[in-house]
Amino acid sequence: MAVTQIAHKPELTKEEARAIFARHFGGAYQITDWSGIPKNLRDFVIVKSAFVAVTVKLEQGANETKFIYSGFTPKFWARLLTGAVASMFLWNGLTNEVKQFIESAPEFR
């Protein structure tokens, strides 16, 4: 799990954050709402394939705004096939893309 703090933006909602990510990643990847349990664990998922995705949560604090994100294998059968350790290596590329986007997007400065 990774955490990246952005400029404090208390007005930023998870829906707006999802839309910003969709504008950037939507052409290459699928952006979906988090459907896992518990529902408040993450806000949305950036899906590259059945094997590679990144879950994202916007967290607002009293004086800070940050994103919590982590690699994820979205399909159960793919998790069984690859195993947790092997999946971590698959996630690195997309997780790094997400990190770079958060750090460089003008909407988050």
C-alpha atoms as a PDB file:
ATOM      1  CA  MET A   1       0.000   0.000   0.000  1.00  0.00           C
ATOM      2  CA  ALA A   2       1.271   3.455  -0.905  1.00  0.00           C
ATOM      3  CA  VAL A   3       0.237   6.884   0.297  1.00  0.00           C
ATOM      4  CA  THR A   4       0.794  10.124  -1.586  1.00  0.00           C
ATOM      5  CA  GLN A   5      -0.126  13.436  -0.015  1.00  0.00           C
ATOM      6  CA  ILE A   6      -1.294  16.202  -2.328  1.00  0.00           C
ATOM      7  CA  ALA A   7      -2.068  19.873  -1.762  1.00  0.00           C
ATOM      8  CA  HIS A   8      -4.852  20.195   0.805  1.00  0.00           C
ATOM      9  CA  LYS A   9      -8.081  20.222  -1.209  1.00  0.00           C
ATOM     10  CA  PRO A  10     -10.968  19.768   1.226  1.00  0.00           C
ATOM     11  CA  GLU A  11     -13.501  20.373  -1.573  1.00  0.00           C
ATOM     12  CA  LEU A  12     -12.211  17.420  -3.636  1.00  0.00           C
ATOM     13  CA  THR A  13     -14.679  14.523  -3.542  1.00  0.00           C
ATOM     14  CA  LYS A  14     -14.059  10.885  -4.409  1.00  0.00           C
ATOM     15  CA  GLU A  15     -16.351  11.309  -7.430  1.00  0.00           C
ATOM     16  CA  GLU A  16     -14.297  14.245  -8.705  1.00  0.00           C
ATOM     17  CA  ALA A  17     -11.068  12.338  -8.064  1.00  0.00           C
ATOM     18  CA  ARG A  18     -12.441   9.353  -9.997  1.00  0.00           C
ATOM     19  CA  ALA A  19     -13.356  11.644 -12.915  1.00  0.00           C
ATOM     20  CA  ILE A  20      -9.846  13.143 -12.948  1.00  0.00           C
ATOM     21  CA  PHE A  21      -8.292   9.674 -13.006  1.00  0.00           C
ATOM     22  CA  ALA A  22     -10.750   8.606 -15.734  1.00  0.00           C
ATOM     23  CA  ARG A  23      -9.748  11.534 -17.950  1.00  0.00           C
ATOM     24  CA  HIS A  24      -6.104  10.553 -17.628  1.00  0.00           C
ATOM     25  CA  PHE A  25      -6.266   6.742 -17.655  1.00  0.00           C
ATOM     26  CA  GLY A  26      -9.630   6.136 -19.357  1.00  0.00           C
ATOM     27  CA  GLY A  27      -8.224   5.685 -22.837  1.00  0.00           C
ATOM     28  CA  ALA A  28      -5.879   2.905 -21.760  1.00  0.00           C
ATOM     29  CA  TYR A  29      -7.517   1.354 -18.709  1.00  0.00           C
ATOM     30  CA  GLN A  30     -10.964   0.740 -17.287  1.00  0.00           C
ATOM     31  CA  ILE A  31     -11.991   2.802 -14.249  1.00  0.00           C
ATOM     32  CA  THR A  32     -14.600   1.117 -12.045  1.00  0.00           C
ATOM     33  CA  ASP A  33     -16.130   1.690  -8.644  1.00  0.00           C
ATOM     34  CA  TRP A  34     -14.753  -0.424  -5.818  1.00  0.00           C
ATOM     35  CA  SER A  35     -17.148  -3.317  -5.254  1.00  0.00           C
ATOM     36  CA  GLY A  36     -15.152  -5.173  -2.622  1.00  0.00           C
ATOM     37  CA  ILE A  37     -15.871  -5.593   1.034  1.00  0.00           C
ATOM     38  CA  PRO A  38     -15.817  -3.441   3.035  1.00  0.00           C
ATOM     39  CA  LYS A  39     -17.301  -0.834   0.722  1.00  0.00           C
ATOM     40  CA  ASN A  40     -15.356   2.044   2.296  1.00  0.00           C
ATOM     41  CA  LEU A  41     -11.964   0.346   1.911  1.00  0.00           C
ATOM     42  CA  ARG A  42     -11.346   1.930  -1.510  1.00  0.00           C
ATOM     43  CA  ASP A  43     -13.214   4.350  -3.783  1.00  0.00           C
ATOM     44  CA  PHE A  44     -12.385   3.100  -7.270  1.00  0.00           C
ATOM     45  CA  VAL A  45     -10.164   0.766  -9.255  1.00  0.00           C
ATOM     46  CA  ILE A  46      -7.972   1.322 -12.300  1.00  0.00           C
ATOM     47  CA  VAL A  47      -8.047  -1.986 -14.189  1.00  0.00           C
ATOM     48  CA  LYS A  48      -5.362  -2.838 -16.732  1.00  0.00           C
ATOM     49  CA  SER A  49      -6.175  -6.555 -17.051  1.00  0.00           C
ATOM     50  CA  ALA A  50      -7.586  -9.517 -15.152  1.00  0.00           C
ATOM     51  CA  PHE A  51      -4.215  -9.713 -13.422  1.00  0.00           C
ATOM     52  CA  VAL A  52      -3.312  -6.051 -12.854  1.00  0.00           C
ATOM     53  CA  ALA A  53      -5.234  -3.217 -11.218  1.00  0.00           C
ATOM     54  CA  VAL A  54      -4.691  -0.486  -8.661  1.00  0.00           C
ATOM     55  CA  THR A  55      -7.239   0.385  -5.991  1.00  0.00           C
ATOM     56  CA  VAL A  56      -7.493   4.051  -4.983  1.00  0.00           C
ATOM     57  CA  LYS A  57      -8.989   5.848  -1.994  1.00  0.00           C
ATOM     58  CA  LEU A  58      -9.158   9.592  -1.441  1.00  0.00           C
ATOM     59  CA  GLU A  59      -8.690  10.428   2.216  1.00  0.00           C
ATOM     60  CA  GLN A  60      -9.454  13.856   3.618  1.00  0.00           C
ATOM     61  CA  GLY A  61      -8.005  14.887   6.966  1.00  0.00           C
ATOM     62  CA  ALA A  62      -8.383  18.091   8.954  1.00  0.00           C
ATOM     63  CA  ASN A  63      -5.343  19.643   7.256  1.00  0.00           C
ATOM     64  CA  GLU A  64      -4.375  17.155   4.568  1.00  0.00           C
ATOM     65  CA  THR A  65      -5.569  15.418   1.444  1.00  0.00           C
ATOM     66  CA  LYS A  66      -3.998  12.161   0.342  1.00  0.00           C
ATOM     67  CA  PHE A  67      -4.472   9.163  -1.885  1.00  0.00           C
ATOM     68  CA  ILE A  68      -4.041   5.627  -0.614  1.00  0.00           C
ATOM     69  CA  TYR A  69      -3.492   3.114  -3.390  1.00  0.00           C
ATOM     70  CA  SER A  70      -2.251  -0.414  -3.881  1.00  0.00           C
ATOM     71  CA  GLY A  71      -1.829  -3.083  -6.508  1.00  0.00           C
ATOM     72  CA  PHE A  72      -4.608  -5.605  -6.817  1.00  0.00           C
ATOM     73  CA  THR A  73      -5.536  -8.615  -8.938  1.00  0.00           C
ATOM     74  CA  PRO A  74      -9.189  -7.955  -9.797  1.00  0.00           C
ATOM     75  CA  LYS A  75     -10.232 -11.429 -10.914  1.00  0.00           C
ATOM     76  CA  PHE A  76     -10.404 -14.214  -8.359  1.00  0.00           C
ATOM     77  CA  TRP A  77      -9.273 -16.867 -10.830  1.00  0.00           C
ATOM     78  CA  ALA A  78      -6.223 -14.736 -11.688  1.00  0.00           C
ATOM     79  CA  ARG A  79      -5.334 -14.453  -7.982  1.00  0.00           C
ATOM     80  CA  LEU A  80      -5.477 -18.230  -7.718  1.00  0.00           C
ATOM     81  CA  LEU A  81      -3.396 -18.680 -10.837  1.00  0.00           C
ATOM     82  CA  THR A  82      -0.600 -16.246 -10.020  1.00  0.00           C
ATOM     83  CA  GLY A  83      -0.491 -16.201  -6.232  1.00  0.00           C
ATOM     84  CA  ALA A  84       0.033 -13.128  -4.069  1.00  0.00           C
ATOM     85  CA  VAL A  85       3.814 -12.864  -4.388  1.00  0.00           C
ATOM     86  CA  ALA A  86       3.886 -13.141  -8.175  1.00  0.00           C
ATOM     87  CA  SER A  87       1.035 -10.629  -8.465  1.00  0.00           C
ATOM     88  CA  MET A  88       3.040  -7.973  -6.639  1.00  0.00           C
ATOM     89  CA  PHE A  89       5.581  -7.962  -9.460  1.00  0.00           C
ATOM     90  CA  LEU A  90       2.801  -7.551 -12.028  1.00  0.00           C
ATOM     91  CA  TRP A  91       1.346  -4.541 -10.184  1.00  0.00           C
ATOM     92  CA  ASN A  92       4.533  -2.473  -9.997  1.00  0.00           C
ATOM     93  CA  GLY A  93       4.226  -0.841 -13.426  1.00  0.00           C
ATOM     94  CA  LEU A  94       0.660   0.394 -13.033  1.00  0.00           C
ATOM     95  CA  THR A  95       1.213   1.378  -9.393  1.00  0.00           C
ATOM     96  CA  ASN A  96       4.146   3.536 -10.495  1.00  0.00           C
ATOM     97  CA  GLU A  97       2.015   5.101 -13.256  1.00  0.00           C
ATOM     98  CA  VAL A  98      -0.617   6.016 -10.675  1.00  0.00           C
ATOM     99  CA  LYS A  99       1.992   7.476  -8.327  1.00  0.00           C
ATOM    100  CA  GLN A 100       3.539   9.585 -11.094  1.00  0.00           C
ATOM    101  CA  PHE A 101       0.110  10.830 -12.154  1.00  0.00           C
ATOM    102  CA  ILE A 102      -0.864  11.862  -8.611  1.00  0.00           C
ATOM    103  CA  GLU A 103       2.442  13.675  -8.146  1.00  0.00           C
ATOM    104  CA  SER A 104       2.267  15.537 -11.463  1.00  0.00           C
ATOM    105  CA  ALA A 105      -1.444  16.196 -12.121  1.00  0.00           C
ATOM    106  CA  PRO A 106      -2.239  19.933 -11.971  1.00  0.00           C
ATOM    107  CA  GLU A 107      -5.621  19.133 -10.398  1.00  0.00           C
ATOM    108  CA  PHE A 108      -3.846  17.798  -7.308  1.00  0.00           C
ATOM    109  CA  ARG A 109      -1.387  20.695  -6.807  1.00  0.00           C
END
